[in-house]
Amino acid sequence: MKVGFIQCAVISAIFAIAGYLLFSSASLNVHVPLTVSAALLISGIVTPWLASLIQSPSSSDARAHSNEGSIETLYVGNLPYRANENAVKEYFSSFIEVQSVRLMKDRKTGKRKGYGFIEVVTDDLSSVIDKTNDSIFQERTLKVRPAKDKVDHE
């Protein structure tokens, strides 16, 4: 779960108001600009800390999944052009735990190219490939291989 801008802004505003009330109610004979500065300082320190607390459960979930197996990337070819990411994820989820699906598109036309990459959690990549390679998906015979590493073009 990612913390949105609106959530951070609301939390920051709440702490700024709380800080203002705290400093303005104190019997310190503090001027208003100094009180506002202190309130904003408190909200600026506390808000990032709260945001990290809100985000931490999802990062621990990802670590728990990675302990069950390593995340591997598969190349999937001969995909139907009408297939979308959700349909591909649903199909492969019957074989293995799927982390993400990326279907490649032509940059100019926006049409799918008929291949993509799937990140899966597994300890035995070869058994996943054996199960899914040459399987039928939406009347097409899939070609599944381990994905090659990206090559940096300089």
Protein backbone atom coordinates (compact mmCIF):
# COMPACT_ATOMS: atom_id res chain seq x y z
CA MET A 1 0.00 0.00 0.00
CA LYS A 2 1.51 3.31 -1.02
CA VAL A 3 0.78 6.40 0.97
CA GLY A 4 -0.83 8.99 -1.26
CA PHE A 5 -0.10 12.67 -1.40
CA ILE A 6 -3.51 13.51 0.07
CA GLN A 7 -2.93 11.22 3.06
CA CYS A 8 0.43 12.87 3.77
CA ALA A 9 -1.07 16.34 3.38
CA VAL A 10 -3.91 15.53 5.80
CA ILE A 11 -1.55 14.03 8.37
CA SER A 12 0.78 17.01 8.00
CA ALA A 13 -2.08 19.47 8.45
CA ILE A 14 -3.32 17.67 11.57
CA PHE A 15 0.11 17.76 13.16
CA ALA A 16 0.65 21.39 12.12
CA ILE A 17 -2.60 22.38 13.82
CA ALA A 18 -1.76 20.30 16.89
CA GLY A 19 1.69 21.87 17.07
CA TYR A 20 0.24 25.36 16.69
CA LEU A 21 -2.26 24.74 19.47
CA LEU A 22 0.47 23.29 21.69
CA PHE A 23 2.83 26.22 21.24
CA SER A 24 0.17 28.95 21.26
CA SER A 25 -1.44 27.68 24.46
CA ALA A 26 1.88 27.48 26.31
CA SER A 27 2.64 30.44 28.52
CA LEU A 28 5.90 31.20 26.76
CA ASN A 29 5.08 34.65 25.33
CA VAL A 30 6.00 33.32 21.89
CA HIS A 31 5.23 35.34 18.79
CA VAL A 32 2.87 33.94 16.13
CA PRO A 33 5.55 33.45 13.41
CA LEU A 34 7.67 31.42 15.81
CA THR A 35 4.63 29.37 16.82
CA VAL A 36 3.76 28.62 13.19
CA SER A 37 7.39 27.70 12.47
CA ALA A 38 7.46 25.27 15.38
CA ALA A 39 4.16 23.72 14.29
CA LEU A 40 5.42 23.22 10.73
CA LEU A 41 8.66 21.74 12.06
CA ILE A 42 6.73 19.21 14.11
CA SER A 43 4.51 18.25 11.17
CA GLY A 44 7.54 17.98 8.87
CA ILE A 45 9.29 15.59 11.24
CA VAL A 46 6.33 13.45 12.26
CA THR A 47 4.63 13.05 8.85
CA PRO A 48 7.47 11.13 7.11
CA TRP A 49 7.79 8.88 10.16
CA LEU A 50 4.06 8.07 10.08
CA ALA A 51 4.20 7.47 6.34
CA SER A 52 6.98 4.94 6.83
CA LEU A 53 4.90 3.18 9.49
CA ILE A 54 1.93 2.97 7.13
CA GLN A 55 4.09 1.57 4.33
CA SER A 56 6.05 -0.93 6.41
CA PRO A 57 3.44 -3.76 6.50
CA SER A 58 3.45 -4.07 2.70
CA SER A 59 7.24 -4.21 2.57
CA SER A 60 7.24 -6.97 5.20
CA ASP A 61 4.69 -8.88 3.09
CA ALA A 62 7.04 -8.68 0.12
CA ARG A 63 9.89 -9.98 2.27
CA ALA A 64 7.72 -12.87 3.47
CA HIS A 65 6.98 -13.85 -0.13
CA SER A 66 10.64 -13.67 -1.07
CA ASN A 67 11.47 -16.06 1.81
CA GLU A 68 9.15 -18.68 0.27
CA GLY A 69 11.08 -18.60 -3.02
CA SER A 70 13.03 -16.32 -5.25
CA ILE A 71 11.39 -13.95 -7.70
CA GLU A 72 12.13 -15.05 -11.26
CA THR A 73 11.15 -13.46 -14.56
CA LEU A 74 9.66 -15.48 -17.40
CA TYR A 75 9.41 -14.51 -21.05
CA VAL A 76 6.01 -15.48 -22.48
CA GLY A 77 5.63 -15.45 -26.24
CA ASN A 78 2.78 -16.07 -28.68
CA LEU A 79 0.27 -14.32 -26.41
CA PRO A 80 -3.07 -13.41 -27.97
CA TYR A 81 -3.16 -9.73 -28.94
CA ARG A 82 -6.50 -9.28 -27.16
CA ALA A 83 -5.17 -10.65 -23.83
CA ASN A 84 -4.67 -8.10 -21.06
CA GLU A 85 -2.49 -8.20 -17.93
CA ASN A 86 -5.32 -9.39 -15.66
CA ALA A 87 -6.22 -12.33 -17.91
CA VAL A 88 -2.58 -13.43 -18.17
CA LYS A 89 -2.09 -13.10 -14.41
CA GLU A 90 -5.24 -15.11 -13.71
CA TYR A 91 -4.14 -17.87 -16.11
CA PHE A 92 -0.61 -18.18 -14.71
CA SER A 93 -1.86 -17.94 -11.10
CA SER A 94 -3.37 -21.40 -11.53
CA PHE A 95 0.22 -22.71 -11.91
CA ILE A 96 2.35 -20.42 -9.72
CA GLU A 97 2.27 -17.30 -7.53
CA VAL A 98 2.47 -14.30 -9.87
CA GLN A 99 4.05 -11.04 -8.67
CA SER A 100 3.54 -8.93 -11.81
CA VAL A 101 2.74 -9.05 -15.53
CA ARG A 102 4.14 -6.70 -18.20
CA LEU A 103 2.77 -7.03 -21.74
CA MET A 104 4.80 -5.27 -24.40
CA LYS A 105 3.11 -2.70 -26.65
CA ASP A 106 4.11 -0.84 -29.78
CA ARG A 107 5.04 2.71 -28.74
CA LYS A 108 3.45 4.35 -31.78
CA THR A 109 0.19 2.40 -32.09
CA GLY A 110 -0.29 1.20 -28.51
CA LYS A 111 -1.17 -2.29 -29.77
CA ARG A 112 0.16 -5.31 -27.93
CA LYS A 113 3.07 -7.14 -29.54
CA GLY A 114 2.09 -10.65 -28.45
CA TYR A 115 4.72 -11.20 -25.78
CA GLY A 116 5.44 -10.14 -22.25
CA PHE A 117 7.23 -10.81 -18.98
CA ILE A 118 5.87 -12.35 -15.81
CA GLU A 119 7.54 -12.19 -12.40
CA VAL A 120 6.82 -15.32 -10.34
CA VAL A 121 7.81 -16.57 -6.90
CA THR A 122 9.37 -20.02 -7.18
CA ASP A 123 12.23 -22.23 -6.09
CA ASP A 124 12.00 -24.45 -9.18
CA LEU A 125 11.83 -22.39 -12.35
CA SER A 126 12.20 -25.39 -14.67
CA SER A 127 9.04 -27.06 -13.33
CA VAL A 128 7.06 -23.84 -13.90
CA ILE A 129 8.33 -23.67 -17.47
CA ASP A 130 7.50 -27.36 -18.02
CA LYS A 131 3.91 -26.77 -16.83
CA THR A 132 3.26 -23.61 -18.83
CA ASN A 133 5.33 -23.96 -22.02
CA ASP A 134 3.24 -25.16 -24.98
CA SER A 135 0.05 -24.71 -22.95
CA ILE A 136 -3.05 -23.30 -24.62
CA PHE A 137 -4.24 -19.83 -23.59
CA GLN A 138 -7.12 -18.19 -25.47
CA GLU A 139 -6.59 -20.51 -28.45
CA ARG A 140 -2.84 -19.76 -28.68
CA THR A 141 0.09 -22.06 -27.80
CA LEU A 142 2.30 -20.18 -25.35
CA LYS A 143 6.08 -20.19 -25.51
CA VAL A 144 7.56 -19.79 -22.02
CA ARG A 145 11.28 -19.33 -21.38
CA PRO A 146 13.45 -17.83 -18.65
CA ALA A 147 13.85 -14.12 -19.38
CA LYS A 148 17.27 -12.89 -20.39
CA ASP A 149 18.89 -10.10 -18.39
CA LYS A 150 18.49 -6.58 -19.72
CA VAL A 151 21.36 -5.35 -21.82
CA ASP A 152 22.49 -1.77 -21.18
CA HIS A 153 22.88 0.17 -24.42
CA GLU A 154 25.56 2.82 -24.13
